[in-house]
Amino acid sequence: MSFFSNFQTDKCPGPINGNPLTGLNEKVCLQAQRVFDACIKQGQTDNIVLTITDPVPSNPTYPLTFVSARSSTSVGNVTAFQVDRLPDRANCARVQVSVDIPVEVVYTDANGTEGKANATVSVNEDVILFVPQPSIMPYEVQCVVSAVAPEGSFNADNNTFTVDMCITVILKIVINVDLLVPSYGYCVIPPAQEYTQEVCAGFFELPLYPQGNTSCGCNNCGK
């Protein structure tokens, strides 16, 4: 069983049936990360040069043939950011950030051996976001990233790859806070449902002996 396997109780996540206030019994303090604002930017960037490091296996035989490249994590590394508040828009600011995206590059070498290596893609973003007023607890800029390059070419002059990459960047303004929220109490955790291959499923459901009319329906059989 799991929360979403027909586990019948009102003490687990899922859709609310009836009055949503029914069952609320306390206010609880949660340590959480509050997102004050967020935005997404997607686009294609051409002619990105990937300088590879830490090849596996080590010492590949050049030249290399590009296979694919994609981000190896969803967390972008914000290397620098600048916030300039907009005087004509309350609590809004111009946010400029530089984001490093870790990338894994897959290739084959001159011997046909498949390998992989690390690279980094750097992007700059310049957006407008809601930024909370100064407080004891500081806000920070976080970045969720995704990048993929289905095609690319190898540069034999400097052992790099040139790719056209599809990049998604989600910027968030967040603060770690103690948040007061209404609560229905603790979740009831359902027992686990063990996975089985069910080799005999469908076979044991068959009747032990043939069912229905066992005659051929012919009155003069054997004549």
Protein backbone atom coordinates (compact mmCIF):
# COMPACT_ATOMS: atom_id res chain seq x y z
CA MET A 1 0.00 0.00 0.00
CA SER A 2 0.93 3.66 -0.22
CA PHE A 3 -0.78 7.03 0.14
CA PHE A 4 -2.12 6.67 -3.40
CA SER A 5 -3.03 2.96 -3.51
CA ASN A 6 -6.63 3.03 -2.28
CA PHE A 7 -5.53 3.64 1.29
CA GLN A 8 -8.80 4.78 2.84
CA THR A 9 -8.22 7.33 5.59
CA ASP A 10 -8.55 11.09 5.99
CA LYS A 11 -5.09 11.18 7.63
CA CYS A 12 -3.06 10.99 4.44
CA PRO A 13 -2.38 13.29 1.46
CA GLY A 14 -4.94 13.38 -1.31
CA PRO A 15 -8.05 15.19 -2.53
CA ILE A 16 -10.35 16.77 0.04
CA ASN A 17 -13.90 15.45 0.23
CA GLY A 18 -16.49 17.59 1.96
CA ASN A 19 -15.73 20.59 4.15
CA PRO A 20 -11.97 21.33 4.10
CA LEU A 21 -12.21 22.71 7.65
CA THR A 22 -13.32 19.34 9.03
CA GLY A 23 -10.47 17.73 10.91
CA LEU A 24 -8.35 20.84 11.45
CA ASN A 25 -7.25 20.63 15.05
CA GLU A 26 -4.11 22.72 15.55
CA LYS A 27 -1.73 25.32 14.24
CA VAL A 28 1.80 24.02 13.81
CA CYS A 29 5.15 25.71 13.25
CA LEU A 30 7.06 24.28 10.30
CA GLN A 31 10.65 25.00 9.44
CA ALA A 32 10.43 25.60 5.72
CA GLN A 33 11.83 27.50 2.80
CA ARG A 34 9.41 30.19 1.71
CA VAL A 35 9.47 31.15 -1.95
CA PHE A 36 8.67 34.86 -2.26
CA ASP A 37 8.88 34.94 -6.05
CA ALA A 38 10.00 32.79 -8.97
CA CYS A 39 10.24 32.94 -12.73
CA ILE A 40 11.22 30.59 -15.54
CA LYS A 41 13.24 31.27 -18.66
CA GLN A 42 13.67 28.78 -21.49
CA GLY A 43 15.54 29.08 -24.72
CA GLN A 44 18.10 27.69 -27.13
CA THR A 45 21.69 28.92 -26.97
CA ASP A 46 23.86 28.10 -29.96
CA ASN A 47 27.59 27.52 -30.30
CA ILE A 48 28.29 26.78 -26.64
CA VAL A 49 31.84 25.54 -26.16
CA LEU A 50 32.17 22.70 -23.64
CA THR A 51 35.59 22.21 -22.09
CA ILE A 52 35.62 18.69 -20.68
CA THR A 53 37.35 17.54 -17.50
CA ASP A 54 37.69 14.26 -15.58
CA PRO A 55 37.07 11.88 -18.50
CA VAL A 56 35.98 8.31 -17.69
CA PRO A 57 37.78 6.20 -18.78
CA SER A 58 40.80 8.43 -18.44
CA ASN A 59 43.07 9.24 -21.38
CA PRO A 60 40.62 8.68 -24.25
CA THR A 61 41.99 8.30 -27.76
CA TYR A 62 41.32 11.43 -29.77
CA PRO A 63 39.44 12.54 -31.79
CA LEU A 64 36.15 12.15 -29.94
CA THR A 65 32.66 11.79 -31.39
CA PHE A 66 29.85 13.63 -29.62
CA VAL A 67 26.89 11.53 -28.43
CA SER A 68 24.93 13.76 -26.04
CA ALA A 69 25.19 16.27 -23.23
CA ARG A 70 22.80 17.13 -20.43
CA SER A 71 22.80 18.75 -17.01
CA SER A 72 24.00 16.38 -14.29
CA THR A 73 22.02 18.10 -11.51
CA SER A 74 18.94 20.28 -11.21
CA VAL A 75 20.71 22.73 -8.90
CA GLY A 76 22.47 25.62 -10.59
CA ASN A 77 25.42 27.27 -8.90
CA VAL A 78 24.75 31.00 -8.49
CA THR A 79 28.21 32.50 -8.73
CA ALA A 80 27.22 36.17 -8.49
CA PHE A 81 24.07 38.21 -8.22
CA GLN A 82 23.15 41.86 -8.01
CA VAL A 83 19.85 43.32 -6.83
CA ASP A 84 18.76 46.85 -7.79
CA ARG A 85 15.42 47.91 -6.40
CA LEU A 86 13.00 49.67 -8.74
CA PRO A 87 11.81 53.00 -7.26
CA ASP A 88 8.60 52.98 -9.30
CA ARG A 89 7.56 49.39 -8.39
CA ALA A 90 7.18 48.59 -4.70
CA ASN A 91 9.14 45.53 -3.52
CA CYS A 92 10.28 44.75 -7.06
CA ALA A 93 13.88 44.71 -8.12
CA ARG A 94 16.11 44.04 -11.08
CA VAL A 95 17.96 40.79 -10.35
CA GLN A 96 21.10 39.97 -12.32
CA VAL A 97 22.69 36.56 -11.76
CA SER A 98 25.39 34.37 -13.21
CA VAL A 99 24.59 30.67 -13.07
CA ASP A 100 26.93 27.72 -13.65
CA ILE A 101 25.21 24.54 -14.87
CA PRO A 102 27.12 21.26 -14.37
CA VAL A 103 26.92 19.14 -17.52
CA GLU A 104 27.79 15.52 -18.30
CA VAL A 105 29.06 14.90 -21.84
CA VAL A 106 28.85 11.44 -23.41
CA TYR A 107 31.07 10.58 -26.38
CA THR A 108 32.93 7.78 -28.12
CA ASP A 109 36.67 7.95 -28.72
CA ALA A 110 38.66 6.99 -31.82
CA ASN A 111 38.62 3.33 -30.72
CA GLY A 112 34.83 3.27 -30.40
CA THR A 113 34.97 3.22 -26.60
CA GLU A 114 32.14 5.14 -24.95
CA GLY A 115 33.17 7.63 -22.30
CA LYS A 116 31.87 10.57 -20.35
CA ALA A 117 33.29 13.76 -18.90
CA ASN A 118 32.25 16.84 -16.97
CA ALA A 119 31.76 20.36 -18.27
CA THR A 120 30.17 23.61 -17.13
CA VAL A 121 27.79 25.94 -18.95
CA SER A 122 27.54 29.52 -17.67
CA VAL A 123 24.45 31.65 -18.31
CA ASN A 124 23.56 35.20 -17.30
CA GLU A 125 20.01 36.22 -16.39
CA ASP A 126 18.59 39.73 -15.99
CA VAL A 127 15.00 39.68 -14.68
CA ILE A 128 12.52 41.53 -12.47
CA LEU A 129 11.39 39.76 -9.28
CA PHE A 130 9.62 40.54 -6.04
CA VAL A 131 12.32 40.95 -3.38
CA PRO A 132 11.28 41.24 0.29
CA GLN A 133 12.36 44.18 2.40
CA PRO A 134 15.53 43.85 4.51
CA SER A 135 15.19 41.64 7.60
CA ILE A 136 17.38 39.84 10.12
CA MET A 137 17.04 36.63 8.12
CA PRO A 138 18.49 37.29 4.66
CA TYR A 139 16.93 36.21 1.40
CA GLU A 140 18.89 34.33 -1.21
CA VAL A 141 18.64 33.58 -4.91
CA GLN A 142 18.29 29.92 -5.83
CA CYS A 143 18.36 28.42 -9.28
CA VAL A 144 16.79 25.25 -10.69
CA VAL A 145 18.27 24.27 -14.05
CA SER A 146 17.94 21.80 -16.88
CA ALA A 147 20.03 21.69 -20.04
CA VAL A 148 20.28 19.24 -22.93
CA ALA A 149 22.24 19.16 -26.17
CA PRO A 150 21.23 16.33 -28.55
CA GLU A 151 23.80 17.34 -31.19
CA GLY A 152 27.34 18.66 -31.15
CA SER A 153 30.73 18.57 -32.82
CA PHE A 154 34.27 17.96 -31.62
CA ASN A 155 36.96 20.61 -31.98
CA ALA A 156 40.28 18.83 -32.55
CA ASP A 157 42.28 22.05 -32.14
CA ASN A 158 41.59 22.33 -28.41
CA ASN A 159 39.73 19.09 -27.56
CA THR A 160 36.41 20.79 -26.84
CA PHE A 161 32.83 20.29 -28.04
CA THR A 162 30.60 22.90 -29.66
CA VAL A 163 26.89 22.35 -29.03
CA ASP A 164 23.49 23.96 -29.41
CA MET A 165 21.82 23.62 -26.03
CA CYS A 166 18.23 23.88 -24.80
CA ILE A 167 18.37 25.54 -21.38
CA THR A 168 15.74 26.01 -18.68
CA VAL A 169 16.46 28.30 -15.71
CA ILE A 170 14.08 28.84 -12.78
CA LEU A 171 15.09 31.65 -10.44
CA LYS A 172 13.67 31.82 -6.92
CA ILE A 173 13.85 34.36 -4.11
CA VAL A 174 13.74 32.31 -0.89
CA ILE A 175 14.17 32.64 2.88
CA ASN A 176 14.37 29.89 5.49
CA VAL A 177 11.49 30.65 7.87
CA ASP A 178 9.41 29.23 10.71
CA LEU A 179 5.97 29.11 9.11
CA LEU A 180 2.68 28.79 11.03
CA VAL A 181 0.15 26.63 9.17
CA PRO A 182 -3.13 24.86 10.01
CA SER A 183 -2.80 21.11 10.51
CA TYR A 184 -4.91 17.98 10.40
CA GLY A 185 -2.41 16.22 12.66
CA TYR A 186 0.11 13.54 11.82
CA CYS A 187 -0.13 11.38 8.71
CA VAL A 188 -1.09 7.74 9.04
CA ILE A 189 1.57 5.77 7.17
CA PRO A 190 0.14 2.78 5.26
CA PRO A 191 1.90 -0.61 5.28
CA ALA A 192 4.21 -1.25 2.33
CA GLN A 193 2.96 -3.36 -0.55
CA GLU A 194 5.70 -5.77 -1.55
CA TYR A 195 6.42 -6.00 -5.26
CA THR A 196 6.01 -9.47 -6.73
CA GLN A 197 6.38 -10.51 -10.33
CA GLU A 198 3.14 -12.53 -10.22
CA VAL A 199 4.39 -15.24 -12.57
CA CYS A 200 1.24 -17.30 -12.05
CA ALA A 201 -1.19 -14.37 -12.30
CA GLY A 202 -4.01 -15.32 -14.65
CA PHE A 203 -3.20 -19.02 -14.51
CA PHE A 204 -4.58 -19.85 -11.09
CA GLU A 205 -7.77 -17.93 -11.97
CA LEU A 206 -8.61 -20.52 -14.64
CA PRO A 207 -11.23 -23.11 -13.71
CA LEU A 208 -9.88 -26.50 -12.63
CA TYR A 209 -11.85 -28.30 -15.38
CA PRO A 210 -13.37 -27.03 -18.66
CA GLN A 211 -16.63 -25.20 -18.17
CA GLY A 212 -19.75 -24.95 -20.31
CA ASN A 213 -21.18 -27.44 -22.80
CA THR A 214 -18.76 -30.38 -23.16
CA SER A 215 -20.65 -32.08 -26.00
CA CYS A 216 -20.11 -31.40 -29.67
CA GLY A 217 -23.77 -30.64 -30.23
CA CYS A 218 -24.09 -33.36 -32.86
CA ASN A 219 -26.71 -36.07 -32.34
CA ASN A 220 -25.20 -38.48 -34.84
CA CYS A 221 -21.53 -38.30 -33.87
CA GLY A 222 -19.60 -41.38 -34.83
CA LYS A 223 -22.07 -42.40 -37.58
